[in-house]
Protein backbone atom coordinates (compact mmCIF):
# COMPACT_ATOMS: atom_id res chain seq x y z
CA UNK A 1 20.76 41.77 -65.61
CA UNK A 2 20.74 38.63 -64.11
CA UNK A 3 17.49 37.42 -65.20
CA UNK A 4 15.79 34.50 -63.39
CA UNK A 5 14.15 33.64 -66.22
CA UNK A 6 17.31 33.23 -68.56
CA UNK A 7 19.14 31.34 -65.93
CA UNK A 8 16.81 28.61 -65.33
CA UNK A 9 16.50 28.55 -69.46
CA UNK A 10 19.85 28.25 -70.24
CA UNK A 11 20.09 25.26 -67.51
CA UNK A 12 17.68 23.87 -69.23
CA UNK A 13 19.06 24.10 -72.74
CA UNK A 14 22.55 22.77 -71.26
CA UNK A 15 20.56 19.91 -69.58
CA UNK A 16 18.72 18.61 -73.26
CA UNK A 17 22.25 19.13 -74.87
CA UNK A 18 23.83 16.55 -72.78
CA UNK A 19 20.99 14.23 -73.02
CA UNK A 20 22.02 14.65 -76.80
CA UNK A 21 25.92 13.97 -75.48
CA UNK A 22 25.00 10.33 -74.30
CA UNK A 23 23.41 9.43 -77.68
CA UNK A 24 27.24 10.68 -79.14
CA UNK A 25 28.91 8.17 -76.69
CA UNK A 26 31.19 5.29 -78.36
CA UNK A 27 32.38 3.43 -75.46
CA UNK A 28 31.03 2.72 -71.96
CA UNK A 29 33.90 5.35 -70.24
CA UNK A 30 32.34 7.78 -72.82
CA UNK A 31 28.62 6.83 -71.33
CA UNK A 32 29.60 7.27 -67.33
CA UNK A 33 31.84 10.50 -67.97
CA UNK A 34 28.91 12.04 -69.52
CA UNK A 35 26.21 10.67 -67.25
CA UNK A 36 28.20 11.67 -64.40
CA UNK A 37 28.39 15.50 -64.87
CA UNK A 38 24.49 15.27 -66.15
CA UNK A 39 23.06 13.43 -63.24
CA UNK A 40 25.16 15.72 -60.81
CA UNK A 41 23.59 18.59 -62.90
CA UNK A 42 19.60 17.33 -62.76
CA UNK A 43 19.82 17.32 -59.13
CA UNK A 44 21.71 20.37 -58.63
CA UNK A 45 18.88 22.01 -60.97
CA UNK A 46 16.52 20.79 -59.64
CA UNK A 47 17.62 21.52 -55.99
CA UNK A 48 18.11 25.22 -57.33
CA UNK A 49 14.31 25.81 -58.53
CA UNK A 50 13.11 24.43 -55.48
CA UNK A 51 15.25 26.87 -53.40
CA UNK A 52 15.38 29.94 -55.42
CA UNK A 53 12.62 29.82 -57.98
CA UNK A 54 9.69 27.79 -56.59
CA UNK A 55 9.18 29.65 -53.23
CA UNK A 56 9.13 33.11 -55.42
CA UNK A 57 6.50 31.64 -57.88
CA UNK A 58 3.98 30.96 -54.54
CA UNK A 59 4.83 34.22 -53.34
CA UNK A 60 4.60 36.30 -56.71
CA UNK A 61 3.76 34.33 -59.86
CA UNK A 62 0.54 33.16 -61.06
CA UNK A 63 -2.56 34.37 -62.11
CA UNK A 64 -5.27 35.63 -60.26
CA UNK A 65 -8.26 33.69 -62.37
CA UNK A 66 -9.66 31.15 -61.00
CA UNK A 67 -11.20 29.89 -64.29
CA UNK A 68 -7.31 29.39 -65.16
CA UNK A 69 -5.85 26.18 -63.68
CA UNK A 70 -2.74 27.07 -65.71
CA UNK A 71 -2.06 29.86 -63.68
CA UNK A 72 -2.21 28.34 -60.04
CA UNK A 73 1.45 28.58 -58.59
CA UNK A 74 0.65 25.78 -56.40
CA UNK A 75 -0.60 23.61 -59.08
CA UNK A 76 2.55 24.55 -60.76
CA UNK A 77 5.05 23.96 -57.66
CA UNK A 78 2.84 20.56 -56.47
CA UNK A 79 3.68 19.23 -60.68
CA UNK A 80 7.47 20.42 -60.21
CA UNK A 81 8.34 18.97 -56.83
CA UNK A 82 6.45 15.73 -58.05
CA UNK A 83 8.85 15.80 -61.44
CA UNK A 84 11.91 16.21 -59.79
CA UNK A 85 11.32 13.36 -57.37
CA UNK A 86 10.55 11.32 -59.95
CA UNK A 87 13.90 12.35 -61.80
CA UNK A 88 15.66 12.29 -58.74
CA UNK A 89 14.43 8.70 -57.93
CA UNK A 90 15.83 7.68 -61.92
CA UNK A 91 19.04 9.30 -61.98
CA UNK A 92 19.52 7.31 -58.09
CA UNK A 93 18.22 3.83 -60.05
CA UNK A 94 21.22 4.98 -62.44
CA UNK A 95 23.59 5.13 -60.09
CA UNK A 96 23.04 1.47 -58.80
CA UNK A 97 23.87 -0.15 -62.36
CA UNK A 98 27.02 -0.02 -64.72
CA UNK A 99 27.31 2.41 -67.58
CA UNK A 100 25.96 0.66 -70.79
CA UNK A 101 24.10 -1.99 -69.20
CA UNK A 102 20.64 -2.73 -70.01
CA UNK A 103 19.40 -1.69 -66.55
CA UNK A 104 21.48 1.54 -66.59
CA UNK A 105 20.39 2.71 -70.30
CA UNK A 106 16.27 2.03 -68.72
CA UNK A 107 16.97 4.82 -65.64
CA UNK A 108 18.61 7.04 -67.80
CA UNK A 109 15.57 7.11 -70.52
CA UNK A 110 13.53 7.52 -67.65
CA UNK A 111 15.28 10.18 -66.04
CA UNK A 112 15.68 11.45 -69.98
CA UNK A 113 11.90 11.33 -70.22
CA UNK A 114 10.95 12.42 -67.08
CA UNK A 115 13.44 15.41 -68.04
CA UNK A 116 12.08 16.39 -71.10
CA UNK A 117 8.49 16.72 -69.68
CA UNK A 118 9.68 18.57 -66.98
CA UNK A 119 11.18 20.83 -68.98
CA UNK A 120 7.95 21.38 -71.39
CA UNK A 121 6.01 22.09 -68.88
CA UNK A 122 7.74 24.53 -66.81
CA UNK A 123 8.68 26.43 -70.30
CA UNK A 124 4.62 26.07 -71.23
CA UNK A 125 3.23 27.38 -67.62
CA UNK A 126 5.32 27.78 -64.78
CA UNK A 127 7.86 30.66 -66.82
CA UNK A 128 5.10 32.76 -68.38
CA UNK A 129 2.97 32.75 -65.49
CA UNK A 130 6.47 34.28 -63.42
CA UNK A 131 7.27 36.51 -66.33
CA UNK A 132 3.69 38.07 -66.39
CA UNK A 133 3.82 39.04 -62.84
CA UNK A 134 7.60 39.50 -61.31
CA UNK A 135 9.13 43.00 -61.32
CA UNK A 136 12.23 42.79 -62.76
CA UNK A 137 14.00 43.46 -59.82
CA UNK A 138 13.08 40.61 -58.72
CA UNK A 139 13.75 38.60 -61.11
CA UNK A 140 17.12 40.40 -60.97
CA UNK A 141 17.36 39.57 -57.05
CA UNK A 142 16.51 35.93 -57.92
CA UNK A 143 18.90 35.70 -61.07
CA UNK A 144 21.78 36.57 -58.38
CA UNK A 145 20.66 34.34 -55.94
CA UNK A 146 21.05 31.40 -58.43
CA UNK A 147 24.54 32.13 -59.57
CA UNK A 148 25.10 32.42 -55.86
CA UNK A 149 23.56 29.25 -55.37
CA UNK A 150 25.85 27.30 -58.01
CA UNK A 151 29.14 29.20 -56.57
CA UNK A 152 28.28 27.91 -53.52
CA UNK A 153 27.66 24.32 -54.73
CA UNK A 154 31.12 23.54 -57.11
CA UNK A 155 30.42 19.86 -57.30
CA UNK A 156 27.06 17.94 -56.30
CA UNK A 157 28.36 18.36 -52.22
CA UNK A 158 25.63 19.91 -50.69
CA UNK A 159 22.86 19.40 -52.93
CA UNK A 160 19.78 18.31 -51.50
CA UNK A 161 18.67 14.74 -53.56
CA UNK A 162 15.78 13.49 -51.20
CA UNK A 163 12.19 13.40 -51.92
CA UNK A 164 10.23 16.00 -51.18
CA UNK A 165 5.97 15.72 -50.36
CA UNK A 166 4.80 18.16 -52.69
CA UNK A 167 2.31 19.51 -49.98
CA UNK A 168 4.71 20.11 -46.99
CA UNK A 169 6.72 22.20 -49.50
CA UNK A 170 4.10 24.38 -50.76
CA UNK A 171 3.03 24.88 -46.83
CA UNK A 172 6.69 25.60 -45.83
CA UNK A 173 7.28 28.24 -49.05
CA UNK A 174 4.01 29.74 -49.35
């Protein structure tokens, strides 16, 4: 089964590991090579989640208990869009600078910090809420859409890297 939860988590694991690869780089050329692939994937991952996962979370996810703010799909989606925007902003900033420079490292560190916080929050809130509320059939259907999303985008071409308004996004996809 192509489970959306497994596929999103696998992407998270890959992103975390690539940030560790930056720590292993011995030259600016190695930093540039690792960051090119990683920064492209950060953009693609955010776009994939916004295209496949979060519209489904808004429609099918969350806890119906109004006393449980952790289970509100709109809040979780707003947080995710805001996080994605912060990650995209840091990635864009990094691309303005030569790899290995102080300002480049600052931008990459910001992306790393924002991404780490986002992944942790998503794995603690949105994903468990979706697991509780989505059928296995829906998770498989979304997993297939996730795989198609990446198959249709062999490179960064076609990835939407623009910031998004969280309220407008929620309204459009609810």
